[in-house]
Amino acid sequence: MSVITEDSFRWKFPGWVNDPEIKEEDKRELFEMGMGDSFNDADAMEVNELCFYCAEHLSLPYIYWQGCHGDIKGERKGISLHAACATEFAQKLKNDVVKLEKEGVE
């Protein structure tokens, strides 16, 4: 789960690039493998324009959760929510879990 802000879309190098504990030789090897390319956090997300809960357009900041796609195991699927919608969604989800627990369903 992440809070998505403008910073999520800023380009940066991987954290290991400036790590003094990693040998320069190892860094060169990682760069040669293409692992030193700059990236942004949004590259790891399935960016959505609309809120999963209310279907209205999102504006920064918002909440992002990543899980698996229902059709293909291992393929990522993300949901994005306004902060207020995330609060309401989480409360309703919790209520459903409590109801199932009371009924003895796991």
N, C-alpha and C. Protein backbone atom coordinates (compact mmCIF):
# COMPACT_ATOMS: atom_id res chain seq x y z
N MET A 1 0.85 -1.16 0.00
CA MET A 1 0.00 0.00 0.00
C MET A 1 0.90 1.23 0.00
N SER A 2 0.51 2.22 -0.74
CA SER A 2 1.31 3.43 -0.86
C SER A 2 0.42 4.66 -0.92
N VAL A 3 0.98 5.76 -0.47
CA VAL A 3 0.36 7.06 -0.70
C VAL A 3 1.08 7.64 -1.91
N ILE A 4 0.32 7.95 -2.95
CA ILE A 4 0.89 8.44 -4.19
C ILE A 4 0.87 9.96 -4.18
N THR A 5 2.03 10.54 -4.36
CA THR A 5 2.19 11.99 -4.40
C THR A 5 2.95 12.36 -5.67
N GLU A 6 3.20 13.63 -5.86
CA GLU A 6 3.99 14.07 -7.01
C GLU A 6 5.36 13.41 -7.02
N ASP A 7 5.92 13.17 -5.83
CA ASP A 7 7.23 12.54 -5.72
C ASP A 7 7.25 11.13 -6.32
N SER A 8 6.10 10.47 -6.36
CA SER A 8 6.01 9.12 -6.92
C SER A 8 6.33 9.10 -8.40
N PHE A 9 6.25 10.25 -9.07
CA PHE A 9 6.47 10.33 -10.50
C PHE A 9 7.83 10.96 -10.85
N ARG A 10 8.63 11.28 -9.84
CA ARG A 10 9.97 11.86 -10.07
C ARG A 10 10.96 10.74 -10.35
N TRP A 11 11.85 10.98 -11.32
CA TRP A 11 12.86 10.00 -11.68
C TRP A 11 14.00 10.01 -10.68
N LYS A 12 14.51 8.82 -10.37
CA LYS A 12 15.63 8.69 -9.44
C LYS A 12 16.40 7.42 -9.75
N PHE A 13 17.63 7.37 -9.28
CA PHE A 13 18.43 6.17 -9.44
C PHE A 13 18.12 5.21 -8.29
N PRO A 14 18.35 3.90 -8.49
CA PRO A 14 18.15 2.94 -7.40
C PRO A 14 18.99 3.33 -6.19
N GLY A 15 18.52 3.02 -5.01
CA GLY A 15 19.19 3.38 -3.77
C GLY A 15 20.61 2.85 -3.66
N TRP A 16 20.90 1.72 -4.29
CA TRP A 16 22.22 1.13 -4.17
C TRP A 16 23.29 1.92 -4.91
N VAL A 17 22.91 2.81 -5.84
CA VAL A 17 23.88 3.55 -6.64
C VAL A 17 24.84 4.35 -5.76
N ASN A 18 24.35 4.95 -4.70
CA ASN A 18 25.19 5.76 -3.82
C ASN A 18 25.54 5.06 -2.51
N ASP A 19 25.33 3.76 -2.43
CA ASP A 19 25.61 3.00 -1.21
C ASP A 19 27.11 2.72 -1.12
N PRO A 20 27.79 3.28 -0.12
CA PRO A 20 29.24 3.09 -0.02
C PRO A 20 29.64 1.65 0.35
N GLU A 21 28.69 0.86 0.82
CA GLU A 21 29.01 -0.52 1.20
C GLU A 21 29.05 -1.46 0.00
N ILE A 22 28.55 -1.01 -1.15
CA ILE A 22 28.58 -1.84 -2.35
C ILE A 22 29.83 -1.49 -3.14
N LYS A 23 30.60 -2.51 -3.47
CA LYS A 23 31.85 -2.32 -4.20
C LYS A 23 31.58 -1.70 -5.57
N GLU A 24 32.50 -0.84 -6.01
CA GLU A 24 32.38 -0.19 -7.32
C GLU A 24 32.32 -1.24 -8.43
N GLU A 25 33.08 -2.31 -8.26
CA GLU A 25 33.08 -3.40 -9.25
C GLU A 25 31.68 -4.00 -9.39
N ASP A 26 31.01 -4.20 -8.26
CA ASP A 26 29.65 -4.75 -8.29
C ASP A 26 28.67 -3.75 -8.91
N LYS A 27 28.87 -2.47 -8.62
CA LYS A 27 28.01 -1.44 -9.21
C LYS A 27 28.14 -1.43 -10.73
N ARG A 28 29.38 -1.50 -11.22
CA ARG A 28 29.60 -1.53 -12.68
C ARG A 28 28.87 -2.70 -13.31
N GLU A 29 28.96 -3.85 -12.65
CA GLU A 29 28.30 -5.05 -13.16
C GLU A 29 26.78 -4.87 -13.20
N LEU A 30 26.23 -4.28 -12.15
CA LEU A 30 24.79 -4.04 -12.11
C LEU A 30 24.35 -3.06 -13.19
N PHE A 31 25.16 -2.02 -13.41
CA PHE A 31 24.85 -1.06 -14.48
C PHE A 31 24.87 -1.75 -15.84
N GLU A 32 25.86 -2.62 -16.06
CA GLU A 32 25.97 -3.34 -17.33
C GLU A 32 24.76 -4.24 -17.56
N MET A 33 24.18 -4.75 -16.47
CA MET A 33 22.99 -5.60 -16.56
C MET A 33 21.72 -4.77 -16.76
N GLY A 34 21.85 -3.45 -16.74
CA GLY A 34 20.69 -2.59 -16.94
C GLY A 34 19.91 -2.30 -15.67
N MET A 35 20.52 -2.61 -14.53
CA MET A 35 19.80 -2.43 -13.27
C MET A 35 20.07 -1.08 -12.62
N GLY A 36 20.84 -0.22 -13.29
CA GLY A 36 21.15 1.08 -12.73
C GLY A 36 20.35 2.20 -13.37
N ASP A 37 19.43 1.82 -14.24
CA ASP A 37 18.62 2.83 -14.92
C ASP A 37 17.74 3.57 -13.93
N SER A 38 17.50 4.82 -14.22
CA SER A 38 16.62 5.60 -13.36
C SER A 38 15.19 5.08 -13.52
N PHE A 39 14.40 5.30 -12.51
CA PHE A 39 13.02 4.82 -12.49
C PHE A 39 12.22 5.77 -11.62
N ASN A 40 10.93 5.58 -11.62
CA ASN A 40 10.10 6.27 -10.64
C ASN A 40 9.18 5.23 -10.01
N ASP A 41 8.64 5.55 -8.85
CA ASP A 41 7.78 4.59 -8.15
C ASP A 41 6.55 4.23 -8.98
N ALA A 42 6.10 5.16 -9.80
CA ALA A 42 4.89 4.92 -10.59
C ALA A 42 5.11 3.83 -11.63
N ASP A 43 6.36 3.57 -12.02
CA ASP A 43 6.62 2.51 -12.99
C ASP A 43 6.23 1.14 -12.44
N ALA A 44 6.21 1.00 -11.13
CA ALA A 44 5.88 -0.28 -10.52
C ALA A 44 4.39 -0.41 -10.23
N MET A 45 3.62 0.57 -10.70
CA MET A 45 2.18 0.58 -10.39
C MET A 45 1.36 0.50 -11.67
N GLU A 46 0.17 0.04 -11.51
CA GLU A 46 -0.81 0.13 -12.57
C GLU A 46 -1.57 1.42 -12.30
N VAL A 47 -1.13 2.51 -12.91
CA VAL A 47 -1.69 3.83 -12.60
C VAL A 47 -3.12 3.92 -13.11
N ASN A 48 -3.99 4.39 -12.24
CA ASN A 48 -5.40 4.53 -12.56
C ASN A 48 -5.80 6.00 -12.55
N GLU A 49 -6.73 6.35 -13.42
CA GLU A 49 -7.26 7.71 -13.44
C GLU A 49 -8.46 7.87 -12.52
N LEU A 50 -9.15 6.76 -12.28
CA LEU A 50 -10.38 6.81 -11.52
C LEU A 50 -10.28 6.06 -10.20
N CYS A 51 -11.00 6.54 -9.22
CA CYS A 51 -11.06 5.89 -7.91
C CYS A 51 -11.79 4.56 -8.03
N PHE A 52 -11.23 3.53 -7.45
CA PHE A 52 -11.83 2.19 -7.46
C PHE A 52 -13.20 2.19 -6.79
N TYR A 53 -13.37 3.02 -5.77
CA TYR A 53 -14.58 3.00 -4.97
C TYR A 53 -15.70 3.87 -5.54
N CYS A 54 -15.38 5.11 -5.90
CA CYS A 54 -16.44 6.03 -6.34
C CYS A 54 -16.42 6.32 -7.84
N ALA A 55 -15.37 5.88 -8.53
CA ALA A 55 -15.21 6.06 -9.98
C ALA A 55 -15.04 7.51 -10.41
N GLU A 56 -14.74 8.41 -9.47
CA GLU A 56 -14.45 9.80 -9.82
C GLU A 56 -12.95 9.94 -10.12
N HIS A 57 -12.59 10.98 -10.85
CA HIS A 57 -11.18 11.21 -11.18
C HIS A 57 -10.35 11.43 -9.91
N LEU A 58 -9.15 10.88 -9.93
CA LEU A 58 -8.21 11.01 -8.82
C LEU A 58 -7.35 12.25 -8.98
N SER A 59 -6.98 12.82 -7.88
CA SER A 59 -5.98 13.88 -7.86
C SER A 59 -4.99 13.54 -6.76
N LEU A 60 -3.78 14.04 -6.88
CA LEU A 60 -2.75 13.75 -5.90
C LEU A 60 -2.99 14.51 -4.61
N PRO A 61 -2.71 13.94 -3.48
CA PRO A 61 -2.28 12.56 -3.25
C PRO A 61 -3.47 11.61 -3.22
N TYR A 62 -3.19 10.33 -3.45
CA TYR A 62 -4.22 9.29 -3.32
C TYR A 62 -3.57 8.01 -2.82
N ILE A 63 -4.40 7.03 -2.51
CA ILE A 63 -3.95 5.74 -1.97
C ILE A 63 -3.89 4.73 -3.11
N TYR A 64 -2.85 3.90 -3.12
CA TYR A 64 -2.70 2.86 -4.12
C TYR A 64 -2.40 1.54 -3.43
N TRP A 65 -3.14 0.51 -3.79
CA TRP A 65 -2.88 -0.85 -3.30
C TRP A 65 -2.62 -1.72 -4.51
N GLN A 66 -1.65 -2.63 -4.37
CA GLN A 66 -1.34 -3.54 -5.46
C GLN A 66 -1.56 -4.97 -5.01
N GLY A 67 -2.22 -5.72 -5.85
CA GLY A 67 -2.46 -7.13 -5.60
C GLY A 67 -2.27 -7.90 -6.89
N CYS A 68 -2.87 -9.06 -6.97
CA CYS A 68 -2.77 -9.88 -8.18
C CYS A 68 -4.02 -9.73 -9.02
N HIS A 69 -3.82 -9.84 -10.30
CA HIS A 69 -4.92 -9.80 -11.26
C HIS A 69 -5.70 -11.11 -11.13
N GLY A 70 -6.99 -11.05 -11.22
CA GLY A 70 -7.81 -12.24 -11.04
C GLY A 70 -7.70 -13.25 -12.15
N ASP A 71 -7.33 -12.81 -13.34
CA ASP A 71 -7.29 -13.72 -14.49
C ASP A 71 -5.96 -14.46 -14.63
N ILE A 72 -4.88 -13.78 -14.31
CA ILE A 72 -3.56 -14.35 -14.54
C ILE A 72 -2.76 -14.30 -13.24
N LYS A 73 -2.44 -15.46 -12.70
CA LYS A 73 -1.69 -15.52 -11.44
C LYS A 73 -0.34 -14.82 -11.60
N GLY A 74 -0.04 -13.95 -10.65
CA GLY A 74 1.22 -13.24 -10.66
C GLY A 74 1.19 -11.91 -11.40
N GLU A 75 0.20 -11.71 -12.26
CA GLU A 75 0.09 -10.42 -12.95
C GLU A 75 -0.49 -9.41 -11.97
N ARG A 76 0.15 -8.25 -11.87
CA ARG A 76 -0.28 -7.28 -10.87
C ARG A 76 -1.58 -6.58 -11.26
N LYS A 77 -2.29 -6.22 -10.25
CA LYS A 77 -3.54 -5.47 -10.41
C LYS A 77 -3.57 -4.46 -9.28
N GLY A 78 -3.77 -3.22 -9.60
CA GLY A 78 -3.77 -2.19 -8.59
C GLY A 78 -5.13 -1.52 -8.47
N ILE A 79 -5.39 -1.02 -7.28
CA ILE A 79 -6.57 -0.17 -7.10
C ILE A 79 -6.11 1.13 -6.46
N SER A 80 -6.73 2.20 -6.91
CA SER A 80 -6.40 3.53 -6.43
C SER A 80 -7.65 4.14 -5.82
N LEU A 81 -7.47 4.86 -4.72
CA LEU A 81 -8.62 5.41 -3.99
C LEU A 81 -8.32 6.80 -3.46
N HIS A 82 -9.34 7.66 -3.46
CA HIS A 82 -9.23 8.91 -2.71
C HIS A 82 -9.06 8.53 -1.24
N ALA A 83 -8.46 9.40 -0.45
CA ALA A 83 -8.26 9.10 0.97
C ALA A 83 -9.60 8.83 1.67
N ALA A 84 -10.61 9.66 1.42
CA ALA A 84 -11.92 9.48 2.05
C ALA A 84 -12.57 8.17 1.61
N CYS A 85 -12.41 7.83 0.33
CA CYS A 85 -12.98 6.58 -0.17
C CYS A 85 -12.26 5.38 0.44
N ALA A 86 -10.94 5.49 0.62
CA ALA A 86 -10.18 4.40 1.24
C ALA A 86 -10.66 4.17 2.66
N THR A 87 -10.96 5.24 3.38
CA THR A 87 -11.45 5.12 4.75
C THR A 87 -12.79 4.38 4.76
N GLU A 88 -13.70 4.80 3.90
CA GLU A 88 -15.03 4.17 3.85
C GLU A 88 -14.93 2.73 3.37
N PHE A 89 -14.13 2.49 2.35
CA PHE A 89 -13.93 1.15 1.82
C PHE A 89 -13.37 0.21 2.89
N ALA A 90 -12.35 0.67 3.61
CA ALA A 90 -11.72 -0.14 4.65
C ALA A 90 -12.71 -0.46 5.77
N GLN A 91 -13.51 0.51 6.16
CA GLN A 91 -14.49 0.28 7.22
C GLN A 91 -15.53 -0.74 6.80
N LYS A 92 -16.02 -0.62 5.57
CA LYS A 92 -17.01 -1.59 5.08
C LYS A 92 -16.40 -2.98 4.94
N LEU A 93 -15.15 -3.04 4.50
CA LEU A 93 -14.46 -4.32 4.40
C LEU A 93 -14.33 -4.95 5.79
N LYS A 94 -13.95 -4.14 6.77
CA LYS A 94 -13.82 -4.63 8.14
C LYS A 94 -15.16 -5.13 8.67
N ASN A 95 -16.22 -4.39 8.40
CA ASN A 95 -17.56 -4.80 8.84
C ASN A 95 -17.94 -6.16 8.25
N ASP A 96 -17.60 -6.38 6.98
CA ASP A 96 -17.91 -7.67 6.35
C ASP A 96 -17.11 -8.79 7.00
N VAL A 97 -15.86 -8.54 7.33
CA VAL A 97 -15.03 -9.56 7.98
C VAL A 97 -15.60 -9.89 9.36
N VAL A 98 -15.98 -8.87 10.12
CA VAL A 98 -16.56 -9.09 11.45
C VAL A 98 -17.83 -9.92 11.33
N LYS A 99 -18.65 -9.62 10.34
CA LYS A 99 -19.90 -10.38 10.13
C LYS A 99 -19.59 -11.85 9.84
N LEU A 100 -18.61 -12.10 8.98
CA LEU A 100 -18.25 -13.48 8.67
C LEU A 100 -17.69 -14.19 9.90
N GLU A 101 -16.88 -13.49 10.68
CA GLU A 101 -16.32 -14.10 11.90
C GLU A 101 -17.42 -14.47 12.88
N LYS A 102 -18.42 -13.62 13.02
CA LYS A 102 -19.55 -13.92 13.91
C LYS A 102 -20.33 -15.14 13.45
N GLU A 103 -20.36 -15.34 12.12
CA GLU A 103 -21.06 -16.49 11.55
C GLU A 103 -20.18 -17.74 11.54
N GLY A 104 -18.93 -17.58 11.99
CA GLY A 104 -18.02 -18.73 12.04
C GLY A 104 -17.40 -19.10 10.73
N VAL A 105 -17.42 -18.19 9.78
CA VAL A 105 -16.83 -18.45 8.47
C VAL A 105 -15.42 -17.89 8.45
N GLU A 106 -14.47 -18.68 7.92
CA GLU A 106 -13.08 -18.20 7.83
C GLU A 106 -12.74 -17.84 6.42
